[in-house]
Amino acid sequence: PILFVRRSTGNVMSAPEAAETACRLLFKLIIVFLQVFLVIYFAYAAYSIRLYPIKEYGMLIHEFDPWFNYRATEYLAEHGLSKIF
């Protein structure tokens, strides 16, 4: 039989054990690459979603309006939460 020596411990392992170890290492490597790819993909998708209004309508303030937020807060402070809903 063909025997292989483990680097870390110096123990001898058979060919099937070496193949199993190589398969596990390959599987872990594939999982890490998949995770990195997904993180990069989701970051790009989030960036694209945030820039969609700028690409479509230009540099205008649509959803974020500080003056509206100020007036809504002022109304809430004067009338209370029950009057808003």
PDB file of N, CA and C in Angstrom:
ATOM      1  N   PRO A   1       0.814  -1.189   0.000  1.00  0.00           N
ATOM      2  CA  PRO A   1       0.000   0.000   0.000  1.00  0.00           C
ATOM      3  C   PRO A   1       0.867   1.266   0.000  1.00  0.00           C
ATOM      4  N   ILE A   2       0.327   2.324  -0.563  1.00  0.00           N
ATOM      5  CA  ILE A   2       1.020   3.600  -0.603  1.00  0.00           C
ATOM      6  C   ILE A   2       0.692   4.348   0.677  1.00  0.00           C
ATOM      7  N   LEU A   3       1.706   4.867   1.327  1.00  0.00           N
ATOM      8  CA  LEU A   3       1.525   5.579   2.591  1.00  0.00           C
ATOM      9  C   LEU A   3       1.992   7.025   2.434  1.00  0.00           C
ATOM     10  N   PHE A   4       1.324   7.912   3.125  1.00  0.00           N
ATOM     11  CA  PHE A   4       1.654   9.328   3.110  1.00  0.00           C
ATOM     12  C   PHE A   4       1.939   9.773   4.536  1.00  0.00           C
ATOM     13  N   VAL A   5       2.810  10.751   4.676  1.00  0.00           N
ATOM     14  CA  VAL A   5       3.175  11.261   5.992  1.00  0.00           C
ATOM     15  C   VAL A   5       2.515  12.622   6.190  1.00  0.00           C
ATOM     16  N   ARG A   6       1.825  12.770   7.334  1.00  0.00           N
ATOM     17  CA  ARG A   6       1.226  14.059   7.684  1.00  0.00           C
ATOM     18  C   ARG A   6       2.327  15.016   8.084  1.00  0.00           C
ATOM     19  N   ARG A   7       2.235  16.256   7.605  1.00  0.00           N
ATOM     20  CA  ARG A   7       3.275  17.231   7.906  1.00  0.00           C
ATOM     21  C   ARG A   7       3.254  17.647   9.379  1.00  0.00           C
ATOM     22  N   SER A   8       2.054  17.857   9.930  1.00  0.00           N
ATOM     23  CA  SER A   8       1.966  18.419  11.276  1.00  0.00           C
ATOM     24  C   SER A   8       2.394  17.430  12.355  1.00  0.00           C
ATOM     25  N   THR A   9       1.968  16.192  12.234  1.00  0.00           N
ATOM     26  CA  THR A   9       2.242  15.240  13.313  1.00  0.00           C
ATOM     27  C   THR A   9       3.322  14.231  12.958  1.00  0.00           C
ATOM     28  N   GLY A  10       3.586  14.048  11.677  1.00  0.00           N
ATOM     29  CA  GLY A  10       4.566  13.053  11.281  1.00  0.00           C
ATOM     30  C   GLY A  10       3.983  11.656  11.230  1.00  0.00           C
ATOM     31  N   ASN A  11       2.686  11.511  11.501  1.00  0.00           N
ATOM     32  CA  ASN A  11       2.041  10.208  11.447  1.00  0.00           C
ATOM     33  C   ASN A  11       1.872   9.757  10.000  1.00  0.00           C
ATOM     34  N   VAL A  12       1.831   8.476   9.824  1.00  0.00           N
ATOM     35  CA  VAL A  12       1.654   7.902   8.491  1.00  0.00           C
ATOM     36  C   VAL A  12       0.167   7.656   8.276  1.00  0.00           C
ATOM     37  N   MET A  13      -0.320   8.027   7.067  1.00  0.00           N
ATOM     38  CA  MET A  13      -1.716   7.748   6.740  1.00  0.00           C
ATOM     39  C   MET A  13      -1.768   7.075   5.381  1.00  0.00           C
ATOM     40  N   SER A  14      -2.806   6.304   5.178  1.00  0.00           N
ATOM     41  CA  SER A  14      -2.953   5.567   3.926  1.00  0.00           C
ATOM     42  C   SER A  14      -3.459   6.486   2.827  1.00  0.00           C
ATOM     43  N   ALA A  15      -3.483   5.961   1.619  1.00  0.00           N
ATOM     44  CA  ALA A  15      -3.941   6.736   0.462  1.00  0.00           C
ATOM     45  C   ALA A  15      -5.395   7.176   0.599  1.00  0.00           C
ATOM     46  N   PRO A  16      -6.314   6.305   1.059  1.00  0.00           N
ATOM     47  CA  PRO A  16      -7.696   6.776   1.224  1.00  0.00           C
ATOM     48  C   PRO A  16      -7.820   7.898   2.258  1.00  0.00           C
ATOM     49  N   GLU A  17      -7.038   7.813   3.344  1.00  0.00           N
ATOM     50  CA  GLU A  17      -7.067   8.890   4.337  1.00  0.00           C
ATOM     51  C   GLU A  17      -6.530  10.180   3.742  1.00  0.00           C
ATOM     52  N   ALA A  18      -5.479  10.090   2.947  1.00  0.00           N
ATOM     53  CA  ALA A  18      -4.912  11.273   2.310  1.00  0.00           C
ATOM     54  C   ALA A  18      -5.904  11.873   1.322  1.00  0.00           C
ATOM     55  N   ALA A  19      -6.605  11.031   0.583  1.00  0.00           N
ATOM     56  CA  ALA A  19      -7.605  11.519  -0.369  1.00  0.00           C
ATOM     57  C   ALA A  19      -8.757  12.189   0.364  1.00  0.00           C
ATOM     58  N   GLU A  20      -9.169  11.591   1.503  1.00  0.00           N
ATOM     59  CA  GLU A  20     -10.254  12.181   2.288  1.00  0.00           C
ATOM     60  C   GLU A  20      -9.833  13.534   2.843  1.00  0.00           C
ATOM     61  N   THR A  21      -8.605  13.641   3.316  1.00  0.00           N
ATOM     62  CA  THR A  21      -8.100  14.903   3.828  1.00  0.00           C
ATOM     63  C   THR A  21      -8.045  15.952   2.709  1.00  0.00           C
ATOM     64  N   ALA A  22      -7.614  15.552   1.523  1.00  0.00           N
ATOM     65  CA  ALA A  22      -7.554  16.471   0.390  1.00  0.00           C
ATOM     66  C   ALA A  22      -8.956  16.919  -0.012  1.00  0.00           C
ATOM     67  N   CYS A  23      -9.930  16.007   0.021  1.00  0.00           N
ATOM     68  CA  CYS A  23     -11.309  16.367  -0.311  1.00  0.00           C
ATOM     69  C   CYS A  23     -11.890  17.343   0.704  1.00  0.00           C
ATOM     70  N   ARG A  24     -11.593  17.119   1.968  1.00  0.00           N
ATOM     71  CA  ARG A  24     -12.075  18.048   2.999  1.00  0.00           C
ATOM     72  C   ARG A  24     -11.471  19.431   2.815  1.00  0.00           C
ATOM     73  N   LEU A  25     -10.175  19.469   2.527  1.00  0.00           N
ATOM     74  CA  LEU A  25      -9.508  20.747   2.307  1.00  0.00           C
ATOM     75  C   LEU A  25     -10.092  21.451   1.079  1.00  0.00           C
ATOM     76  N   LEU A  26     -10.317  20.708   0.009  1.00  0.00           N
ATOM     77  CA  LEU A  26     -10.914  21.282  -1.193  1.00  0.00           C
ATOM     78  C   LEU A  26     -12.323  21.800  -0.908  1.00  0.00           C
ATOM     79  N   PHE A  27     -13.106  21.045  -0.143  1.00  0.00           N
ATOM     80  CA  PHE A  27     -14.462  21.460   0.202  1.00  0.00           C
ATOM     81  C   PHE A  27     -14.433  22.756   1.013  1.00  0.00           C
ATOM     82  N   LYS A  28     -13.541  22.839   1.997  1.00  0.00           N
ATOM     83  CA  LYS A  28     -13.430  24.053   2.804  1.00  0.00           C
ATOM     84  C   LYS A  28     -13.005  25.239   1.945  1.00  0.00           C
ATOM     85  N   LEU A  29     -12.090  25.014   1.017  1.00  0.00           N
ATOM     86  CA  LEU A  29     -11.636  26.067   0.125  1.00  0.00           C
ATOM     87  C   LEU A  29     -12.777  26.562  -0.770  1.00  0.00           C
ATOM     88  N   ILE A  30     -13.578  25.650  -1.284  1.00  0.00           N
ATOM     89  CA  ILE A  30     -14.719  26.019  -2.115  1.00  0.00           C
ATOM     90  C   ILE A  30     -15.726  26.835  -1.298  1.00  0.00           C
ATOM     91  N   ILE A  31     -15.989  26.424  -0.065  1.00  0.00           N
ATOM     92  CA  ILE A  31     -16.926  27.138   0.799  1.00  0.00           C
ATOM     93  C   ILE A  31     -16.424  28.556   1.072  1.00  0.00           C
ATOM     94  N   VAL A  32     -15.146  28.718   1.340  1.00  0.00           N
ATOM     95  CA  VAL A  32     -14.583  30.047   1.602  1.00  0.00           C
ATOM     96  C   VAL A  32     -14.705  30.919   0.360  1.00  0.00           C
ATOM     97  N   PHE A  33     -14.364  30.385  -0.809  1.00  0.00           N
ATOM     98  CA  PHE A  33     -14.496  31.168  -2.042  1.00  0.00           C
ATOM     99  C   PHE A  33     -15.947  31.543  -2.314  1.00  0.00           C
ATOM    100  N   LEU A  34     -16.865  30.638  -2.043  1.00  0.00           N
ATOM    101  CA  LEU A  34     -18.282  30.924  -2.231  1.00  0.00           C
ATOM    102  C   LEU A  34     -18.740  32.037  -1.294  1.00  0.00           C
ATOM    103  N   GLN A  35     -18.317  31.993  -0.046  1.00  0.00           N
ATOM    104  CA  GLN A  35     -18.683  33.034   0.907  1.00  0.00           C
ATOM    105  C   GLN A  35     -18.119  34.388   0.496  1.00  0.00           C
ATOM    106  N   VAL A  36     -16.876  34.420   0.061  1.00  0.00           N
ATOM    107  CA  VAL A  36     -16.272  35.678  -0.377  1.00  0.00           C
ATOM    108  C   VAL A  36     -17.009  36.221  -1.592  1.00  0.00           C
ATOM    109  N   PHE A  37     -17.318  35.329  -2.546  1.00  0.00           N
ATOM    110  CA  PHE A  37     -18.057  35.747  -3.740  1.00  0.00           C
ATOM    111  C   PHE A  37     -19.418  36.321  -3.370  1.00  0.00           C
ATOM    112  N   LEU A  38     -20.136  35.663  -2.464  1.00  0.00           N
ATOM    113  CA  LEU A  38     -21.463  36.139  -2.079  1.00  0.00           C
ATOM    114  C   LEU A  38     -21.401  37.479  -1.354  1.00  0.00           C
ATOM    115  N   VAL A  39     -20.419  37.671  -0.506  1.00  0.00           N
ATOM    116  CA  VAL A  39     -20.283  38.956   0.184  1.00  0.00           C
ATOM    117  C   VAL A  39     -20.014  40.065  -0.826  1.00  0.00           C
ATOM    118  N   ILE A  40     -19.121  39.805  -1.780  1.00  0.00           N
ATOM    119  CA  ILE A  40     -18.835  40.817  -2.806  1.00  0.00           C
ATOM    120  C   ILE A  40     -20.065  41.074  -3.659  1.00  0.00           C
ATOM    121  N   TYR A  41     -20.777  40.022  -4.037  1.00  0.00           N
ATOM    122  CA  TYR A  41     -21.983  40.183  -4.865  1.00  0.00           C
ATOM    123  C   TYR A  41     -23.054  41.001  -4.135  1.00  0.00           C
ATOM    124  N   PHE A  42     -23.297  40.680  -2.862  1.00  0.00           N
ATOM    125  CA  PHE A  42     -24.327  41.397  -2.107  1.00  0.00           C
ATOM    126  C   PHE A  42     -23.923  42.852  -1.860  1.00  0.00           C
ATOM    127  N   ALA A  43     -22.647  43.104  -1.650  1.00  0.00           N
ATOM    128  CA  ALA A  43     -22.185  44.489  -1.490  1.00  0.00           C
ATOM    129  C   ALA A  43     -22.410  45.264  -2.786  1.00  0.00           C
ATOM    130  N   TYR A  44     -22.110  44.651  -3.921  1.00  0.00           N
ATOM    131  CA  TYR A  44     -22.336  45.311  -5.215  1.00  0.00           C
ATOM    132  C   TYR A  44     -23.833  45.545  -5.444  1.00  0.00           C
ATOM    133  N   ALA A  45     -24.661  44.540  -5.113  1.00  0.00           N
ATOM    134  CA  ALA A  45     -26.108  44.689  -5.293  1.00  0.00           C
ATOM    135  C   ALA A  45     -26.650  45.810  -4.403  1.00  0.00           C
ATOM    136  N   ALA A  46     -26.186  45.902  -3.173  1.00  0.00           N
ATOM    137  CA  ALA A  46     -26.634  46.973  -2.278  1.00  0.00           C
ATOM    138  C   ALA A  46     -26.209  48.335  -2.816  1.00  0.00           C
ATOM    139  N   TYR A  47     -25.004  48.423  -3.313  1.00  0.00           N
ATOM    140  CA  TYR A  47     -24.513  49.671  -3.894  1.00  0.00           C
ATOM    141  C   TYR A  47     -25.354  50.061  -5.109  1.00  0.00           C
ATOM    142  N   SER A  48     -25.651  49.091  -5.959  1.00  0.00           N
ATOM    143  CA  SER A  48     -26.461  49.369  -7.151  1.00  0.00           C
ATOM    144  C   SER A  48     -27.874  49.810  -6.786  1.00  0.00           C
ATOM    145  N   ILE A  49     -28.463  49.182  -5.787  1.00  0.00           N
ATOM    146  CA  ILE A  49     -29.814  49.550  -5.357  1.00  0.00           C
ATOM    147  C   ILE A  49     -29.832  50.976  -4.819  1.00  0.00           C
ATOM    148  N   ARG A  50     -28.811  51.338  -4.055  1.00  0.00           N
ATOM    149  CA  ARG A  50     -28.759  52.688  -3.500  1.00  0.00           C
ATOM    150  C   ARG A  50     -28.536  53.738  -4.583  1.00  0.00           C
ATOM    151  N   LEU A  51     -27.843  53.394  -5.660  1.00  0.00           N
ATOM    152  CA  LEU A  51     -27.572  54.360  -6.719  1.00  0.00           C
ATOM    153  C   LEU A  51     -28.644  54.394  -7.797  1.00  0.00           C
ATOM    154  N   TYR A  52     -29.598  53.485  -7.755  1.00  0.00           N
ATOM    155  CA  TYR A  52     -30.631  53.444  -8.792  1.00  0.00           C
ATOM    156  C   TYR A  52     -31.383  54.771  -8.946  1.00  0.00           C
ATOM    157  N   PRO A  53     -31.861  55.408  -7.874  1.00  0.00           N
ATOM    158  CA  PRO A  53     -32.560  56.686  -8.056  1.00  0.00           C
ATOM    159  C   PRO A  53     -31.684  57.770  -8.691  1.00  0.00           C
ATOM    160  N   ILE A  54     -30.401  57.775  -8.368  1.00  0.00           N
ATOM    161  CA  ILE A  54     -29.508  58.768  -8.955  1.00  0.00           C
ATOM    162  C   ILE A  54     -29.337  58.498 -10.443  1.00  0.00           C
ATOM    163  N   LYS A  55     -29.198  57.229 -10.805  1.00  0.00           N
ATOM    164  CA  LYS A  55     -29.064  56.882 -12.220  1.00  0.00           C
ATOM    165  C   LYS A  55     -30.347  57.193 -12.985  1.00  0.00           C
ATOM    166  N   GLU A  56     -31.479  56.937 -12.361  1.00  0.00           N
ATOM    167  CA  GLU A  56     -32.771  57.084 -13.037  1.00  0.00           C
ATOM    168  C   GLU A  56     -33.250  58.540 -13.086  1.00  0.00           C
ATOM    169  N   TYR A  57     -33.171  59.241 -11.957  1.00  0.00           N
ATOM    170  CA  TYR A  57     -33.772  60.569 -11.858  1.00  0.00           C
ATOM    171  C   TYR A  57     -32.770  61.705 -11.689  1.00  0.00           C
ATOM    172  N   GLY A  58     -31.519  61.396 -11.504  1.00  0.00           N
ATOM    173  CA  GLY A  58     -30.523  62.442 -11.309  1.00  0.00           C
ATOM    174  C   GLY A  58     -30.306  62.752  -9.840  1.00  0.00           C
ATOM    175  N   MET A  59     -29.545  63.781  -9.594  1.00  0.00           N
ATOM    176  CA  MET A  59     -29.167  64.119  -8.216  1.00  0.00           C
ATOM    177  C   MET A  59     -30.209  65.024  -7.573  1.00  0.00           C
ATOM    178  N   LEU A  60     -31.337  64.462  -7.229  1.00  0.00           N
ATOM    179  CA  LEU A  60     -32.394  65.182  -6.526  1.00  0.00           C
ATOM    180  C   LEU A  60     -32.662  64.486  -5.207  1.00  0.00           C
ATOM    181  N   ILE A  61     -33.141  65.232  -4.243  1.00  0.00           N
ATOM    182  CA  ILE A  61     -33.525  64.622  -2.979  1.00  0.00           C
ATOM    183  C   ILE A  61     -34.973  64.168  -3.105  1.00  0.00           C
ATOM    184  N   HIS A  62     -35.184  62.863  -2.998  1.00  0.00           N
ATOM    185  CA  HIS A  62     -36.535  62.320  -3.128  1.00  0.00           C
ATOM    186  C   HIS A  62     -37.056  61.846  -1.770  1.00  0.00           C
ATOM    187  N   GLU A  63     -36.484  60.758  -1.283  1.00  0.00           N
ATOM    188  CA  GLU A  63     -37.001  60.135  -0.068  1.00  0.00           C
ATOM    189  C   GLU A  63     -36.528  60.853   1.186  1.00  0.00           C
ATOM    190  N   PHE A  64     -35.332  61.367   1.184  1.00  0.00           N
ATOM    191  CA  PHE A  64     -34.768  61.999   2.365  1.00  0.00           C
ATOM    192  C   PHE A  64     -34.981  63.508   2.267  1.00  0.00           C
ATOM    193  N   ASP A  65     -35.891  64.004   3.042  1.00  0.00           N
ATOM    194  CA  ASP A  65     -36.192  65.440   3.025  1.00  0.00           C
ATOM    195  C   ASP A  65     -36.078  65.964   4.455  1.00  0.00           C
ATOM    196  N   PRO A  66     -34.997  66.630   4.795  1.00  0.00           N
ATOM    197  CA  PRO A  66     -34.806  67.094   6.176  1.00  0.00           C
ATOM    198  C   PRO A  66     -35.902  68.057   6.642  1.00  0.00           C
ATOM    199  N   TRP A  67     -36.411  68.899   5.746  1.00  0.00           N
ATOM    200  CA  TRP A  67     -37.453  69.845   6.135  1.00  0.00           C
ATOM    201  C   TRP A  67     -38.720  69.110   6.523  1.00  0.00           C
ATOM    202  N   PHE A  68     -39.090  68.059   5.784  1.00  0.00           N
ATOM    203  CA  PHE A  68     -40.257  67.253   6.139  1.00  0.00           C
ATOM    204  C   PHE A  68     -40.050  66.594   7.494  1.00  0.00           C
ATOM    205  N   ASN A  69     -38.870  66.049   7.719  1.00  0.00           N
ATOM    206  CA  ASN A  69     -38.590  65.409   9.009  1.00  0.00           C
ATOM    207  C   ASN A  69     -38.685  66.418  10.149  1.00  0.00           C
ATOM    208  N   TYR A  70     -38.201  67.629   9.929  1.00  0.00           N
ATOM    209  CA  TYR A  70     -38.271  68.670  10.949  1.00  0.00           C
ATOM    210  C   TYR A  70     -39.727  69.020  11.265  1.00  0.00           C
ATOM    211  N   ARG A  71     -40.531  69.218  10.210  1.00  0.00           N
ATOM    212  CA  ARG A  71     -41.944  69.570  10.428  1.00  0.00           C
ATOM    213  C   ARG A  71     -42.705  68.432  11.112  1.00  0.00           C
ATOM    214  N   ALA A  72     -42.404  67.179  10.717  1.00  0.00           N
ATOM    215  CA  ALA A  72     -43.071  66.033  11.340  1.00  0.00           C
ATOM    216  C   ALA A  72     -42.706  65.927  12.817  1.00  0.00           C
ATOM    217  N   THR A  73     -41.470  66.194  13.146  1.00  0.00           N
ATOM    218  CA  THR A  73     -41.034  66.158  14.545  1.00  0.00           C
ATOM    219  C   THR A  73     -41.683  67.285  15.350  1.00  0.00           C
ATOM    220  N   GLU A  74     -41.771  68.447  14.738  1.00  0.00           N
ATOM    221  CA  GLU A  74     -42.419  69.579  15.400  1.00  0.00           C
ATOM    222  C   GLU A  74     -43.892  69.257  15.691  1.00  0.00           C
ATOM    223  N   TYR A  75     -44.596  68.681  14.704  1.00  0.00           N
ATOM    224  CA  TYR A  75     -46.005  68.317  14.864  1.00  0.00           C
ATOM    225  C   TYR A  75     -46.158  67.262  15.957  1.00  0.00           C
ATOM    226  N   LEU A  76     -45.243  66.275  15.955  1.00  0.00           N
ATOM    227  CA  LEU A  76     -45.278  65.222  16.972  1.00  0.00           C
ATOM    228  C   LEU A  76     -45.083  65.817  18.363  1.00  0.00           C
ATOM    229  N   ALA A  77     -44.174  66.764  18.494  1.00  0.00           N
ATOM    230  CA  ALA A  77     -43.912  67.369  19.801  1.00  0.00           C
ATOM    231  C   ALA A  77     -45.109  68.178  20.292  1.00  0.00           C
ATOM    232  N   GLU A  78     -45.817  68.833  19.374  1.00  0.00           N
ATOM    233  CA  GLU A  78     -46.959  69.670  19.769  1.00  0.00           C
ATOM    234  C   GLU A  78     -48.234  68.865  20.025  1.00  0.00           C
ATOM    235  N   HIS A  79     -48.515  67.867  19.187  1.00  0.00           N
ATOM    236  CA  HIS A  79     -49.802  67.165  19.231  1.00  0.00           C
ATOM    237  C   HIS A  79     -49.756  65.762  19.810  1.00  0.00           C
ATOM    238  N   GLY A  80     -48.597  65.167  19.906  1.00  0.00           N
ATOM    239  CA  GLY A  80     -48.498  63.824  20.452  1.00  0.00           C
ATOM    240  C   GLY A  80     -48.599  62.752  19.388  1.00  0.00           C
ATOM    241  N   LEU A  81     -48.254  61.534  19.778  1.00  0.00           N
ATOM    242  CA  LEU A  81     -48.208  60.399  18.847  1.00  0.00           C
ATOM    243  C   LEU A  81     -49.596  59.976  18.378  1.00  0.00           C
ATOM    244  N   SER A  82     -50.614  60.124  19.192  1.00  0.00           N
ATOM    245  CA  SER A  82     -51.955  59.659  18.818  1.00  0.00           C
ATOM    246  C   SER A  82     -52.534  60.470  17.664  1.00  0.00           C
ATOM    247  N   LYS A  83     -52.139  61.720  17.469  1.00  0.00           N
ATOM    248  CA  LYS A  83     -52.668  62.557  16.376  1.00  0.00           C
ATOM    249  C   LYS A  83     -52.032  62.217  15.030  1.00  0.00           C
ATOM    250  N   ILE A  84     -50.857  61.617  15.043  1.00  0.00           N
ATOM    251  CA  ILE A  84     -50.191  61.302  13.776  1.00  0.00           C
ATOM    252  C   ILE A  84     -50.867  60.130  13.098  1.00  0.00           C
ATOM    253  N   PHE A  85     -51.210  59.122  13.873  1.00  0.00           N
ATOM    254  CA  PHE A  85     -51.828  57.934  13.285  1.00  0.00           C
ATOM    255  C   PHE A  85     -53.317  58.041  13.456  1.00  0.00           C
TER     256      PHE A  85
END
